[in-house]
């Protein structure tokens, strides 16, 4: 599975739940040209809690200057949950999980307990 993984230190673009969605934010998204962007809790924390689907930003008013979390909670943008996998998960097993359509990205954790903890933590924002 290591052939298809990207180390968190090599992730070139991510946004945070507390990022303000203004004109500059939307321009950064447009310039990056990604359709799915990892979302972390904060700049100090590289914990990925969800995926921002950039097409959901269409129609967002940048002059309201609301945060990613505020827009998500008011259902104006879409964040999807992600799947947390143990690093021993085989690529075939991961592919079967993704084929079910629950997520667009998987986060690899060191062990099963770490994966469970990550899932529980990320669930806090999706409640």
N, C-alpha and C. Protein backbone atom coordinates (compact mmCIF):
# COMPACT_ATOMS: atom_id res chain seq x y z
N UNK A 1 0.82 -1.19 0.00
CA UNK A 1 0.00 0.00 0.00
C UNK A 1 0.87 1.25 0.00
N UNK A 2 2.11 1.14 0.38
CA UNK A 2 2.98 2.32 0.45
C UNK A 2 3.19 2.98 -0.91
N UNK A 3 2.95 2.26 -1.99
CA UNK A 3 3.10 2.83 -3.33
C UNK A 3 2.07 3.90 -3.64
N UNK A 4 0.94 3.89 -2.97
CA UNK A 4 -0.12 4.85 -3.26
C UNK A 4 -0.34 5.85 -2.12
N UNK A 5 0.51 5.83 -1.11
CA UNK A 5 0.36 6.73 0.03
C UNK A 5 1.22 7.97 -0.14
N UNK A 6 0.75 9.06 0.46
CA UNK A 6 1.51 10.31 0.52
C UNK A 6 1.70 10.64 1.99
N UNK A 7 2.93 10.84 2.42
CA UNK A 7 3.20 11.19 3.81
C UNK A 7 2.59 12.56 4.10
N UNK A 8 2.09 12.74 5.31
CA UNK A 8 1.45 14.00 5.69
C UNK A 8 2.38 15.20 5.47
N UNK A 9 3.68 15.00 5.64
CA UNK A 9 4.63 16.10 5.43
C UNK A 9 4.74 16.48 3.95
N UNK A 10 4.27 15.61 3.07
CA UNK A 10 4.31 15.89 1.63
C UNK A 10 2.98 16.37 1.07
N UNK A 11 1.98 16.52 1.93
CA UNK A 11 0.69 17.02 1.46
C UNK A 11 0.87 18.49 1.10
N UNK A 12 0.64 18.81 -0.16
CA UNK A 12 0.96 20.15 -0.66
C UNK A 12 -0.12 21.18 -0.38
N UNK A 13 -1.34 20.73 -0.10
CA UNK A 13 -2.42 21.70 0.11
C UNK A 13 -3.46 21.11 1.04
N UNK A 14 -3.79 21.86 2.07
CA UNK A 14 -4.89 21.49 2.94
C UNK A 14 -5.47 22.75 3.54
N UNK A 15 -6.70 22.65 4.01
CA UNK A 15 -7.34 23.78 4.66
C UNK A 15 -7.70 23.37 6.08
N UNK A 16 -8.01 24.36 6.90
CA UNK A 16 -8.36 24.11 8.30
C UNK A 16 -9.82 24.48 8.55
N UNK A 17 -10.40 23.86 9.55
CA UNK A 17 -11.79 24.16 9.90
C UNK A 17 -12.00 25.63 10.25
N UNK A 18 -10.97 26.27 10.79
CA UNK A 18 -11.12 27.68 11.19
C UNK A 18 -10.66 28.67 10.12
N UNK A 19 -10.33 28.19 8.91
CA UNK A 19 -9.99 29.09 7.81
C UNK A 19 -11.24 29.88 7.41
N UNK A 20 -11.05 31.17 7.19
CA UNK A 20 -12.14 32.03 6.75
C UNK A 20 -12.27 31.91 5.23
N UNK A 21 -13.48 31.66 4.79
CA UNK A 21 -13.74 31.55 3.36
C UNK A 21 -14.05 32.95 2.83
N UNK A 22 -13.00 33.58 2.31
CA UNK A 22 -13.12 34.91 1.72
C UNK A 22 -12.58 34.85 0.30
N UNK A 23 -12.41 36.00 -0.33
CA UNK A 23 -11.93 36.02 -1.72
C UNK A 23 -10.54 35.38 -1.84
N UNK A 24 -9.66 35.67 -0.90
CA UNK A 24 -8.30 35.11 -0.94
C UNK A 24 -8.33 33.59 -0.81
N UNK A 25 -9.17 33.07 0.07
CA UNK A 25 -9.32 31.63 0.27
C UNK A 25 -9.79 30.98 -1.04
N UNK A 26 -10.83 31.55 -1.64
CA UNK A 26 -11.36 30.99 -2.87
C UNK A 26 -10.33 31.04 -4.00
N UNK A 27 -9.52 32.10 -4.04
CA UNK A 27 -8.47 32.19 -5.06
C UNK A 27 -7.41 31.11 -4.85
N UNK A 28 -7.03 30.85 -3.58
CA UNK A 28 -6.07 29.77 -3.29
C UNK A 28 -6.61 28.42 -3.76
N UNK A 29 -7.90 28.19 -3.52
CA UNK A 29 -8.53 26.94 -3.94
C UNK A 29 -8.51 26.84 -5.48
N UNK A 30 -8.87 27.92 -6.12
CA UNK A 30 -8.90 27.94 -7.59
C UNK A 30 -7.52 27.69 -8.17
N UNK A 31 -6.50 28.34 -7.61
CA UNK A 31 -5.13 28.19 -8.08
C UNK A 31 -4.62 26.76 -7.86
N UNK A 32 -4.98 26.16 -6.73
CA UNK A 32 -4.53 24.80 -6.41
C UNK A 32 -5.13 23.79 -7.38
N UNK A 33 -6.35 24.04 -7.84
CA UNK A 33 -7.03 23.22 -8.84
C UNK A 33 -7.27 21.77 -8.40
N UNK A 34 -7.51 21.55 -7.11
CA UNK A 34 -7.88 20.23 -6.62
C UNK A 34 -9.39 20.15 -6.47
N UNK A 35 -9.97 18.99 -6.68
CA UNK A 35 -11.41 18.83 -6.50
C UNK A 35 -11.75 18.39 -5.07
N UNK A 36 -10.78 17.78 -4.41
CA UNK A 36 -10.96 17.32 -3.03
C UNK A 36 -9.74 17.75 -2.23
N UNK A 37 -9.99 18.41 -1.11
CA UNK A 37 -8.89 18.95 -0.32
C UNK A 37 -9.01 18.46 1.12
N UNK A 38 -7.92 17.93 1.68
CA UNK A 38 -7.95 17.50 3.08
C UNK A 38 -8.21 18.69 4.01
N UNK A 39 -8.96 18.44 5.07
CA UNK A 39 -9.29 19.46 6.06
C UNK A 39 -8.74 19.01 7.40
N UNK A 40 -7.97 19.91 8.05
CA UNK A 40 -7.43 19.60 9.37
C UNK A 40 -8.16 20.43 10.43
N UNK A 41 -7.98 20.05 11.69
CA UNK A 41 -8.59 20.81 12.78
C UNK A 41 -7.99 22.21 12.89
N UNK A 42 -6.67 22.32 12.74
CA UNK A 42 -6.01 23.62 12.87
C UNK A 42 -4.67 23.59 12.15
N UNK A 43 -4.04 24.74 12.03
CA UNK A 43 -2.72 24.84 11.39
C UNK A 43 -1.65 24.12 12.22
N UNK A 44 -1.84 24.08 13.53
CA UNK A 44 -0.86 23.45 14.42
C UNK A 44 -1.00 21.93 14.43
N UNK A 45 -2.09 21.43 13.89
CA UNK A 45 -2.39 20.01 13.97
C UNK A 45 -2.58 19.47 12.56
N UNK A 46 -1.84 18.46 12.20
CA UNK A 46 -1.97 17.89 10.85
C UNK A 46 -3.01 16.77 10.79
N UNK A 47 -3.84 16.65 11.82
CA UNK A 47 -4.86 15.61 11.85
C UNK A 47 -5.94 15.91 10.81
N UNK A 48 -6.10 15.03 9.84
CA UNK A 48 -7.09 15.21 8.79
C UNK A 48 -8.43 14.69 9.29
N UNK A 49 -9.42 15.60 9.36
CA UNK A 49 -10.72 15.22 9.90
C UNK A 49 -11.78 15.07 8.82
N UNK A 50 -11.50 15.52 7.61
CA UNK A 50 -12.50 15.41 6.55
C UNK A 50 -11.93 15.87 5.22
N UNK A 51 -12.78 15.84 4.21
CA UNK A 51 -12.40 16.23 2.86
C UNK A 51 -13.37 17.30 2.38
N UNK A 52 -12.84 18.41 1.91
CA UNK A 52 -13.66 19.48 1.33
C UNK A 52 -13.86 19.18 -0.15
N UNK A 53 -15.11 19.10 -0.56
CA UNK A 53 -15.42 18.95 -1.98
C UNK A 53 -15.53 20.36 -2.55
N UNK A 54 -14.57 20.75 -3.37
CA UNK A 54 -14.46 22.15 -3.79
C UNK A 54 -15.66 22.63 -4.59
N UNK A 55 -16.32 21.75 -5.31
CA UNK A 55 -17.49 22.20 -6.07
C UNK A 55 -18.61 22.69 -5.15
N UNK A 56 -18.56 22.30 -3.88
CA UNK A 56 -19.57 22.77 -2.94
C UNK A 56 -19.36 24.24 -2.56
N UNK A 57 -18.22 24.81 -2.96
CA UNK A 57 -17.96 26.23 -2.69
C UNK A 57 -18.68 27.14 -3.68
N UNK A 58 -19.19 26.56 -4.76
CA UNK A 58 -19.93 27.37 -5.73
C UNK A 58 -21.15 27.97 -5.04
N UNK A 59 -21.30 29.26 -5.14
CA UNK A 59 -22.44 29.94 -4.53
C UNK A 59 -22.17 30.47 -3.13
N UNK A 60 -21.01 30.15 -2.55
CA UNK A 60 -20.67 30.67 -1.23
C UNK A 60 -20.32 32.16 -1.37
N UNK A 61 -20.86 32.97 -0.51
CA UNK A 61 -20.59 34.41 -0.53
C UNK A 61 -19.31 34.70 0.26
N UNK A 62 -18.21 35.07 -0.42
CA UNK A 62 -16.95 35.30 0.29
C UNK A 62 -16.98 36.55 1.17
N UNK A 63 -17.95 37.41 0.96
CA UNK A 63 -18.03 38.63 1.76
C UNK A 63 -18.66 38.39 3.13
N UNK A 64 -19.27 37.20 3.32
CA UNK A 64 -19.79 36.84 4.64
C UNK A 64 -18.65 36.50 5.59
N UNK A 65 -17.50 36.08 5.03
CA UNK A 65 -16.30 35.75 5.79
C UNK A 65 -16.57 34.76 6.93
N UNK A 66 -17.23 33.66 6.57
CA UNK A 66 -17.49 32.59 7.54
C UNK A 66 -16.39 31.55 7.44
N UNK A 67 -16.19 30.81 8.51
CA UNK A 67 -15.16 29.76 8.51
C UNK A 67 -15.67 28.52 7.79
N UNK A 68 -14.74 27.65 7.46
CA UNK A 68 -15.09 26.38 6.83
C UNK A 68 -16.08 25.63 7.72
N UNK A 69 -15.81 25.58 9.02
CA UNK A 69 -16.69 24.87 9.95
C UNK A 69 -18.08 25.50 10.00
N UNK A 70 -18.16 26.83 10.04
CA UNK A 70 -19.48 27.50 10.06
C UNK A 70 -20.28 27.18 8.80
N UNK A 71 -19.61 27.20 7.66
CA UNK A 71 -20.30 26.91 6.40
C UNK A 71 -20.74 25.45 6.34
N UNK A 72 -19.92 24.56 6.88
CA UNK A 72 -20.30 23.15 6.92
C UNK A 72 -21.51 22.94 7.83
N UNK A 73 -21.47 23.51 9.02
CA UNK A 73 -22.57 23.33 9.98
C UNK A 73 -23.87 23.95 9.49
N UNK A 74 -23.78 25.00 8.67
CA UNK A 74 -24.99 25.61 8.11
C UNK A 74 -25.36 24.97 6.77
N UNK A 75 -24.68 23.90 6.42
CA UNK A 75 -24.92 23.09 5.22
C UNK A 75 -24.75 23.87 3.92
N UNK A 76 -23.84 24.86 3.94
CA UNK A 76 -23.57 25.62 2.73
C UNK A 76 -22.41 25.04 1.92
N UNK A 77 -21.59 24.21 2.56
CA UNK A 77 -20.53 23.50 1.85
C UNK A 77 -20.55 22.04 2.30
N UNK A 78 -19.89 21.21 1.52
CA UNK A 78 -19.88 19.78 1.84
C UNK A 78 -18.48 19.33 2.25
N UNK A 79 -18.41 18.78 3.44
CA UNK A 79 -17.21 18.08 3.91
C UNK A 79 -17.61 16.62 4.03
N UNK A 80 -16.78 15.76 3.49
CA UNK A 80 -17.07 14.34 3.64
C UNK A 80 -16.12 13.75 4.67
N UNK A 81 -16.58 12.69 5.29
CA UNK A 81 -15.72 12.01 6.23
C UNK A 81 -14.67 11.24 5.44
N UNK A 82 -13.64 10.82 6.11
CA UNK A 82 -12.61 10.04 5.47
C UNK A 82 -12.50 8.69 6.17
N UNK A 83 -11.83 7.79 5.55
CA UNK A 83 -11.64 6.46 6.11
C UNK A 83 -10.26 6.40 6.74
N UNK A 84 -10.18 5.84 7.93
CA UNK A 84 -8.89 5.67 8.62
C UNK A 84 -8.52 4.20 8.53
N UNK A 85 -7.37 3.94 7.95
CA UNK A 85 -6.90 2.58 7.73
C UNK A 85 -5.64 2.30 8.53
N UNK A 86 -5.49 1.08 8.97
CA UNK A 86 -4.26 0.64 9.62
C UNK A 86 -3.19 0.47 8.54
N UNK A 87 -1.95 0.75 8.86
CA UNK A 87 -0.89 0.66 7.84
C UNK A 87 -0.67 -0.76 7.32
N UNK A 88 -1.21 -1.75 8.00
CA UNK A 88 -1.09 -3.13 7.51
C UNK A 88 -2.23 -3.52 6.57
N UNK A 89 -3.18 -2.62 6.35
CA UNK A 89 -4.28 -2.89 5.43
C UNK A 89 -3.75 -3.09 4.02
N UNK A 90 -4.22 -4.12 3.36
CA UNK A 90 -3.76 -4.38 1.99
C UNK A 90 -4.47 -3.42 1.03
N UNK A 91 -3.85 -3.19 -0.11
CA UNK A 91 -4.44 -2.33 -1.12
C UNK A 91 -5.77 -2.88 -1.61
N UNK A 92 -5.87 -4.19 -1.75
CA UNK A 92 -7.12 -4.81 -2.18
C UNK A 92 -8.24 -4.55 -1.18
N UNK A 93 -7.94 -4.68 0.11
CA UNK A 93 -8.94 -4.41 1.15
C UNK A 93 -9.36 -2.94 1.11
N UNK A 94 -8.40 -2.04 0.97
CA UNK A 94 -8.71 -0.61 0.89
C UNK A 94 -9.58 -0.33 -0.33
N UNK A 95 -9.27 -0.95 -1.45
CA UNK A 95 -10.04 -0.74 -2.66
C UNK A 95 -11.49 -1.17 -2.47
N UNK A 96 -11.71 -2.27 -1.78
CA UNK A 96 -13.07 -2.74 -1.51
C UNK A 96 -13.84 -1.73 -0.65
N UNK A 97 -13.15 -1.14 0.32
CA UNK A 97 -13.79 -0.14 1.18
C UNK A 97 -14.18 1.09 0.35
N UNK A 98 -13.27 1.56 -0.50
CA UNK A 98 -13.55 2.74 -1.32
C UNK A 98 -14.64 2.46 -2.34
N UNK A 99 -14.73 1.24 -2.82
CA UNK A 99 -15.75 0.87 -3.81
C UNK A 99 -17.16 1.04 -3.25
N UNK A 100 -17.30 1.02 -1.93
CA UNK A 100 -18.61 1.21 -1.30
C UNK A 100 -19.06 2.66 -1.38
N UNK A 101 -18.14 3.58 -1.70
CA UNK A 101 -18.50 4.98 -1.92
C UNK A 101 -18.62 5.85 -0.69
N UNK A 102 -18.06 5.41 0.43
CA UNK A 102 -18.19 6.18 1.66
C UNK A 102 -17.22 7.35 1.76
N UNK A 103 -16.14 7.32 1.01
CA UNK A 103 -15.13 8.37 1.14
C UNK A 103 -14.31 8.45 -0.14
N UNK A 104 -13.62 9.59 -0.28
CA UNK A 104 -12.76 9.82 -1.44
C UNK A 104 -11.28 9.73 -1.09
N UNK A 105 -10.99 9.55 0.18
CA UNK A 105 -9.59 9.53 0.61
C UNK A 105 -9.48 8.70 1.89
N UNK A 106 -8.34 8.06 2.05
CA UNK A 106 -8.09 7.30 3.26
C UNK A 106 -6.87 7.82 3.98
N UNK A 107 -6.93 7.79 5.28
CA UNK A 107 -5.81 8.21 6.12
C UNK A 107 -5.23 6.95 6.75
N UNK A 108 -3.93 6.76 6.58
CA UNK A 108 -3.27 5.58 7.10
C UNK A 108 -2.71 5.88 8.49
N UNK A 109 -3.06 5.04 9.45
CA UNK A 109 -2.60 5.18 10.83
C UNK A 109 -1.65 4.03 11.16
N UNK A 110 -0.88 4.23 12.22
CA UNK A 110 0.13 3.23 12.59
C UNK A 110 -0.46 1.88 13.00
N UNK A 111 -1.62 1.91 13.68
CA UNK A 111 -2.21 0.64 14.12
C UNK A 111 -3.72 0.78 14.21
N UNK A 112 -4.39 -0.31 14.52
CA UNK A 112 -5.85 -0.34 14.55
C UNK A 112 -6.40 0.62 15.61
N UNK A 113 -5.79 0.64 16.78
CA UNK A 113 -6.28 1.53 17.85
C UNK A 113 -6.16 3.00 17.45
N UNK A 114 -5.06 3.36 16.79
CA UNK A 114 -4.89 4.74 16.33
C UNK A 114 -5.95 5.08 15.29
N UNK A 115 -6.26 4.15 14.42
CA UNK A 115 -7.29 4.37 13.40
C UNK A 115 -8.65 4.59 14.05
N UNK A 116 -8.97 3.78 15.06
CA UNK A 116 -10.24 3.94 15.77
C UNK A 116 -10.31 5.28 16.48
N UNK A 117 -9.22 5.69 17.12
CA UNK A 117 -9.17 6.97 17.81
C UNK A 117 -9.38 8.13 16.82
N UNK A 118 -8.73 8.04 15.67
CA UNK A 118 -8.88 9.08 14.64
C UNK A 118 -10.33 9.18 14.18
N UNK A 119 -10.95 8.03 13.94
CA UNK A 119 -12.34 8.01 13.49
C UNK A 119 -13.24 8.66 14.54
N UNK A 120 -13.07 8.31 15.81
CA UNK A 120 -13.89 8.87 16.88
C UNK A 120 -13.70 10.39 16.98
N UNK A 121 -12.47 10.83 16.84
CA UNK A 121 -12.18 12.26 16.92
C UNK A 121 -12.81 13.01 15.76
N UNK A 122 -12.67 12.49 14.55
CA UNK A 122 -13.25 13.14 13.37
C UNK A 122 -14.77 13.15 13.43
N UNK A 123 -15.36 12.13 14.02
CA UNK A 123 -16.83 12.08 14.12
C UNK A 123 -17.41 13.27 14.88
N UNK A 124 -16.60 13.88 15.74
CA UNK A 124 -17.09 15.03 16.50
C UNK A 124 -17.61 16.15 15.59
N UNK A 125 -16.96 16.40 14.46
CA UNK A 125 -17.41 17.49 13.60
C UNK A 125 -18.58 17.10 12.72
N UNK A 126 -18.82 15.81 12.56
CA UNK A 126 -19.90 15.37 11.69
C UNK A 126 -21.19 15.10 12.45
N UNK A 127 -21.25 15.50 13.69
CA UNK A 127 -22.47 15.31 14.49
C UNK A 127 -23.35 16.53 14.41
